[in-house]
Protein backbone atom coordinates (compact mmCIF):
# COMPACT_ATOMS: atom_id res chain seq x y z
CA UNK A 1 12.55 20.68 -7.79
CA UNK A 2 9.46 20.93 -9.95
CA UNK A 3 6.56 23.13 -8.80
CA UNK A 4 3.12 21.71 -9.53
CA UNK A 5 -0.33 23.20 -9.06
CA UNK A 6 -3.33 20.88 -8.93
CA UNK A 7 -6.95 22.03 -9.17
CA UNK A 8 -9.90 20.85 -7.10
CA UNK A 9 -11.26 17.37 -7.72
CA UNK A 10 -13.36 14.81 -5.92
CA UNK A 11 -11.77 11.37 -5.91
CA UNK A 12 -13.30 8.05 -4.94
CA UNK A 13 -10.76 6.04 -2.95
CA UNK A 14 -11.59 2.44 -2.04
CA UNK A 15 -10.09 0.74 0.98
CA UNK A 16 -10.46 -2.83 2.16
CA UNK A 17 -10.55 -4.30 5.62
CA UNK A 18 -7.67 -6.67 6.53
CA UNK A 19 -7.69 -9.81 4.42
CA UNK A 20 -4.94 -12.44 4.63
CA UNK A 21 -4.99 -12.87 0.85
CA UNK A 22 -3.85 -9.31 0.12
CA UNK A 23 -0.85 -7.47 1.54
CA UNK A 24 -1.55 -4.66 3.96
CA UNK A 25 1.68 -2.87 3.05
CA UNK A 26 2.31 -0.14 0.52
CA UNK A 27 5.09 -2.28 -1.00
CA UNK A 28 4.98 -6.05 -0.55
CA UNK A 29 8.80 -6.31 -0.66
CA UNK A 30 9.14 -4.12 2.42
CA UNK A 31 10.61 -4.40 5.88
CA UNK A 32 12.98 -7.37 5.43
CA UNK A 33 16.62 -7.02 6.39
CA UNK A 34 19.14 -8.57 4.02
CA UNK A 35 20.67 -10.75 6.74
CA UNK A 36 17.22 -11.89 7.97
CA UNK A 37 18.79 -11.92 11.43
CA UNK A 38 17.18 -10.44 14.49
CA UNK A 39 18.94 -7.26 15.59
CA UNK A 40 19.14 -7.13 19.41
CA UNK A 41 17.15 -4.42 21.13
CA UNK A 42 19.12 -1.60 22.72
CA UNK A 43 18.29 0.88 25.44
CA UNK A 44 20.87 3.57 24.67
CA UNK A 45 22.08 4.39 21.19
CA UNK A 46 24.54 1.98 19.59
CA UNK A 47 26.04 1.64 16.15
CA UNK A 48 23.60 -0.27 13.95
CA UNK A 49 24.55 -3.48 12.20
CA UNK A 50 25.42 -3.04 8.54
CA UNK A 51 22.32 -3.49 6.33
CA UNK A 52 20.06 -3.70 9.40
CA UNK A 53 18.05 -0.70 8.14
CA UNK A 54 18.23 -0.87 4.32
CA UNK A 55 15.35 1.61 4.04
CA UNK A 56 17.27 4.52 5.56
CA UNK A 57 17.69 7.59 3.37
CA UNK A 58 20.38 10.23 3.88
CA UNK A 59 19.12 13.57 2.53
CA UNK A 60 21.68 16.20 1.55
CA UNK A 61 22.18 19.21 -0.70
CA UNK A 62 24.19 19.32 -3.93
CA UNK A 63 27.04 20.69 -1.75
CA UNK A 64 26.89 17.50 0.35
CA UNK A 65 25.41 19.33 3.35
CA UNK A 66 23.32 16.95 5.47
CA UNK A 67 19.65 17.93 5.77
CA UNK A 68 17.61 15.14 7.35
CA UNK A 69 16.93 11.46 7.50
CA UNK A 70 14.13 9.71 5.66
CA UNK A 71 12.89 6.29 4.57
CA UNK A 72 12.45 4.56 1.23
CA UNK A 73 8.79 3.45 1.00
CA UNK A 74 8.52 2.47 -2.69
CA UNK A 75 10.59 2.40 -5.87
CA UNK A 76 10.28 6.18 -6.25
CA UNK A 77 9.11 7.66 -2.92
CA UNK A 78 10.94 8.84 0.21
CA UNK A 79 9.04 9.59 3.42
CA UNK A 80 10.43 12.38 5.60
CA UNK A 81 9.35 15.39 7.66
CA UNK A 82 7.88 18.55 6.16
CA UNK A 83 10.39 20.76 7.95
CA UNK A 84 13.17 19.02 5.98
CA UNK A 85 12.04 20.65 2.73
CA UNK A 86 14.08 23.73 1.86
CA UNK A 87 12.60 25.99 -0.82
CA UNK A 88 14.76 26.47 -3.93
CA UNK A 89 17.11 23.70 -2.81
CA UNK A 90 17.73 20.49 -4.72
CA UNK A 91 17.62 17.47 -2.43
CA UNK A 92 19.84 14.50 -3.13
CA UNK A 93 18.77 11.18 -1.60
CA UNK A 94 21.52 8.75 -0.67
CA UNK A 95 20.45 5.13 -0.19
CA UNK A 96 22.50 2.23 1.13
CA UNK A 97 24.39 4.65 3.40
CA UNK A 98 25.99 3.35 6.58
CA UNK A 99 29.17 5.28 7.41
CA UNK A 100 28.89 8.66 5.78
CA UNK A 101 32.62 9.38 6.08
CA UNK A 102 33.70 6.36 4.07
CA UNK A 103 34.50 7.13 0.46
CA UNK A 104 33.85 3.61 -0.77
CA UNK A 105 30.60 1.76 -0.24
CA UNK A 106 27.52 0.34 -1.90
CA UNK A 107 25.59 3.58 -1.62
CA UNK A 108 23.53 5.06 -4.45
CA UNK A 109 22.33 8.62 -5.01
CA UNK A 110 19.11 9.87 -6.55
CA UNK A 111 17.84 13.37 -7.20
CA UNK A 112 14.43 14.30 -5.85
CA UNK A 113 12.58 16.09 -8.64
CA UNK A 114 9.33 16.75 -6.77
CA UNK A 115 8.47 17.27 -3.13
CA UNK A 116 5.00 16.95 -1.59
CA UNK A 117 4.35 18.73 1.68
CA UNK A 118 1.13 18.41 3.68
CA UNK A 119 -0.84 21.57 2.94
CA UNK A 120 -1.73 22.07 6.63
CA UNK A 121 1.81 21.73 7.97
CA UNK A 122 2.47 24.29 10.71
CA UNK A 123 6.17 24.91 11.45
CA UNK A 124 5.30 26.41 14.84
CA UNK A 125 3.37 23.44 16.23
CA UNK A 126 4.79 20.75 13.89
CA UNK A 127 1.25 19.59 13.18
CA UNK A 128 1.17 17.58 9.92
CA UNK A 129 4.98 17.55 9.81
CA UNK A 130 5.17 15.01 6.99
CA UNK A 131 6.40 15.11 3.40
CA UNK A 132 7.16 12.83 0.45
CA UNK A 133 9.95 13.12 -2.12
CA UNK A 134 9.60 11.70 -5.61
CA UNK A 135 12.86 10.40 -7.07
CA UNK A 136 13.76 11.21 -10.65
CA UNK A 137 14.56 7.55 -11.36
CA UNK A 138 13.28 4.29 -9.89
CA UNK A 139 15.21 2.38 -7.24
CA UNK A 140 16.17 -1.24 -7.87
CA UNK A 141 15.89 -3.16 -4.60
CA UNK A 142 18.90 -5.13 -3.37
CA UNK A 143 20.41 -6.40 -0.13
CA UNK A 144 21.29 -2.99 1.33
CA UNK A 145 18.48 -0.98 -0.28
CA UNK A 146 14.91 -2.02 0.45
CA UNK A 147 11.70 -0.19 1.45
CA UNK A 148 10.34 0.06 4.96
CA UNK A 149 6.80 -1.23 5.55
CA UNK A 150 3.99 1.33 5.51
CA UNK A 151 0.67 -0.09 6.73
CA UNK A 152 -1.99 1.54 4.56
CA UNK A 153 -5.02 -0.16 6.16
CA UNK A 154 -6.10 2.08 9.05
CA UNK A 155 -7.94 -0.77 10.77
CA UNK A 156 -4.45 -1.70 12.02
CA UNK A 157 -4.24 1.55 13.98
CA UNK A 158 -5.32 0.19 17.37
CA UNK A 159 -2.69 -2.54 17.12
CA UNK A 160 0.03 -0.12 16.00
CA UNK A 161 -0.84 2.35 18.77
CA UNK A 162 -0.48 -0.48 21.28
CA UNK A 163 3.21 -1.02 20.48
CA UNK A 164 4.95 0.53 23.47
CA UNK A 165 8.63 0.25 22.50
CA UNK A 166 9.78 1.57 19.13
CA UNK A 167 13.17 1.43 17.43
CA UNK A 168 14.68 4.58 15.93
CA UNK A 169 17.65 5.04 13.60
CA UNK A 170 19.68 8.01 12.42
CA UNK A 171 22.98 9.84 12.09
CA UNK A 172 22.13 12.49 14.66
CA UNK A 173 23.86 13.85 17.74
CA UNK A 174 25.26 11.35 20.25
CA UNK A 175 26.10 11.56 23.96
CA UNK A 176 29.37 13.33 23.11
CA UNK A 177 27.40 16.01 21.24
CA UNK A 178 28.61 15.28 17.72
CA UNK A 179 26.70 13.89 14.77
CA UNK A 180 27.38 10.21 14.25
CA UNK A 181 29.40 9.09 11.23
CA UNK A 182 27.84 5.63 11.42
CA UNK A 183 24.13 4.86 11.46
CA UNK A 184 22.98 4.36 15.03
CA UNK A 185 19.92 2.65 16.49
CA UNK A 186 18.14 2.76 19.81
CA UNK A 187 14.87 1.81 21.48
CA UNK A 188 12.38 4.52 22.43
CA UNK A 189 9.41 4.05 24.73
CA UNK A 190 6.07 5.74 24.16
CA UNK A 191 5.15 8.23 26.86
CA UNK A 192 1.85 9.77 28.03
CA UNK A 193 1.02 12.89 26.04
CA UNK A 194 1.40 15.09 29.11
CA UNK A 195 5.12 14.28 29.17
CA UNK A 196 5.57 16.25 25.93
CA UNK A 197 3.40 19.18 26.96
CA UNK A 198 0.93 19.82 24.14
CA UNK A 199 0.57 16.86 21.76
CA UNK A 200 -1.75 17.45 18.83
CA UNK A 201 -3.87 15.06 16.83
CA UNK A 202 -1.88 12.65 14.64
CA UNK A 203 1.19 12.99 16.85
CA UNK A 204 2.52 10.95 19.76
CA UNK A 205 5.00 11.38 22.59
CA UNK A 206 8.03 9.12 23.06
CA UNK A 207 11.52 8.98 24.54
CA UNK A 208 13.07 9.88 27.90
CA UNK A 209 16.38 10.93 29.46
CA UNK A 210 17.81 7.44 28.97
CA UNK A 211 16.90 7.01 25.32
CA UNK A 212 15.72 9.39 22.62
CA UNK A 213 16.61 10.60 19.13
CA UNK A 214 18.46 13.90 18.95
CA UNK A 215 19.36 16.81 16.68
CA UNK A 216 20.14 15.48 13.22
CA UNK A 217 17.76 12.53 13.48
CA UNK A 218 14.67 14.41 12.29
CA UNK A 219 12.89 13.05 9.24
CA UNK A 220 14.02 9.55 10.17
CA UNK A 221 11.83 6.68 11.34
CA UNK A 222 10.73 5.01 14.52
CA UNK A 223 9.08 1.63 14.09
CA UNK A 224 8.83 -1.96 15.20
CA UNK A 225 9.05 -5.55 13.99
CA UNK A 226 5.56 -6.89 13.34
CA UNK A 227 4.59 -10.47 12.60
CA UNK A 228 2.63 -10.81 9.37
CA UNK A 229 1.75 -14.08 7.58
CA UNK A 230 4.43 -16.21 9.28
CA UNK A 231 7.18 -13.64 8.83
CA UNK A 232 8.41 -10.51 10.56
CA UNK A 233 8.42 -7.11 8.87
CA UNK A 234 9.73 -3.78 10.14
CA UNK A 235 6.86 -1.26 10.10
CA UNK A 236 7.34 2.50 10.31
CA UNK A 237 5.17 3.98 13.04
CA UNK A 238 6.43 7.54 13.34
CA UNK A 239 8.69 10.27 11.98
CA UNK A 240 11.13 12.16 14.22
CA UNK A 241 10.22 15.86 14.15
CA UNK A 242 11.08 17.63 17.42
CA UNK A 243 14.18 16.57 19.27
CA UNK A 244 15.86 19.76 20.43
CA UNK A 245 15.72 18.53 24.03
CA UNK A 246 17.25 15.16 23.18
CA UNK A 247 17.12 13.61 26.64
CA UNK A 248 13.47 14.47 27.27
CA UNK A 249 10.27 13.12 25.70
CA UNK A 250 9.68 14.44 22.19
CA UNK A 251 6.81 14.69 19.73
CA UNK A 252 6.70 12.40 16.69
CA UNK A 253 4.47 12.44 13.61
CA UNK A 254 2.07 9.48 13.58
CA UNK A 255 2.43 7.94 10.11
CA UNK A 256 -0.84 6.02 10.15
CA UNK A 257 -2.64 9.19 11.21
CA UNK A 258 -1.57 10.69 7.86
CA UNK A 259 -2.28 7.69 5.65
CA UNK A 260 -4.78 9.66 3.56
CA UNK A 261 -1.99 12.06 2.57
CA UNK A 262 0.46 9.25 1.78
CA UNK A 263 -2.09 7.34 -0.31
CA UNK A 264 -3.15 10.42 -2.27
CA UNK A 265 0.42 11.13 -3.36
CA UNK A 266 1.16 7.45 -4.00
CA UNK A 267 -1.98 7.00 -6.09
CA UNK A 268 -1.43 10.21 -8.01
CA UNK A 269 2.07 9.07 -9.01
CA UNK A 270 1.25 5.43 -9.69
CA UNK A 271 -2.23 5.55 -11.22
CA UNK A 272 -4.25 2.36 -10.74
CA UNK A 273 -2.37 0.47 -8.06
CA UNK A 274 -3.01 -2.94 -6.51
CA UNK A 275 -4.22 -1.25 -3.30
CA UNK A 276 -7.03 0.37 -5.26
CA UNK A 277 -7.84 -2.63 -7.45
CA UNK A 278 -8.53 -5.29 -4.82
CA UNK A 279 -11.97 -7.00 -4.89
CA UNK A 280 -15.12 -5.05 -4.07
CA UNK A 281 -14.53 -3.25 -0.77
CA UNK A 282 -16.58 -3.62 2.34
CA UNK A 283 -16.70 0.14 2.60
CA UNK A 284 -15.84 3.13 0.46
CA UNK A 285 -15.29 6.77 1.26
CA UNK A 286 -15.56 10.00 -0.74
CA UNK A 287 -12.44 12.11 -0.45
CA UNK A 288 -12.13 15.77 -1.27
CA UNK A 289 -8.65 16.32 -2.70
CA UNK A 290 -8.48 19.74 -1.04
CA UNK A 291 -8.89 18.25 2.46
CA UNK A 292 -5.27 17.12 2.60
CA UNK A 293 -3.92 18.22 -0.76
CA UNK A 294 -0.13 18.47 -0.57
CA UNK A 295 1.82 21.58 -1.36
CA UNK A 296 4.49 21.21 -4.01
CA UNK A 297 8.00 22.64 -3.95
């Protein structure tokens, strides 16, 4: 993947408070399942319905070795965990995946030509364990391939933090201690920070012995259905990052807590975007690019 070095710059980024006229999502086509049917909540992991999570990304090497999960968030961006980036390794992103052992299917593959890792990511504490992959070509949305909703307006944070039960998806280890061939889904409850030991800023604790993501699920999403303008959208709340204990509470990256990082990369790749060209904002902030400048692999 391409290595890029960016110098210091001061950038004026304008944000707007919630307004029903303008979408609060990074991509307005996000978070809608192709069937438009409600998927029943589960307590323990079960096989997901086909096309129930069309935003899921299956990250693997050119030798077809599975790396991590991830989510499609725009036509050219994949959200995942920073620890999923492997230096000097080309990452292939498979979209529309459901059963990874089936030869036939409506899956599509894209090469990631650039990777953006949070510059303050610490592999020891998993602080700032977040990354974005830029695809070499744009994705055309269809029934089984659609983006997940990313809420860019941080005034939603109190509401998002109040969602107690989140839904996670992935191909990770199951109760019989083997990675799942089929995409699986389960509900995960938020837990007090003390249940995870030391939880840092922009992280949260979730899961228990009855229900939690496991090894192989990292980089994938946890989120919830949110009502917005007379419809329901699936919003990504967190990224699975530490799940070695599987049946105990684990630490997750808080996506909204890293919205400055996501927006910087998104804006840099898209130029003048609708998020930055809405009417005169009620507030504006000066950002120093170096504060959360991503590292590039």
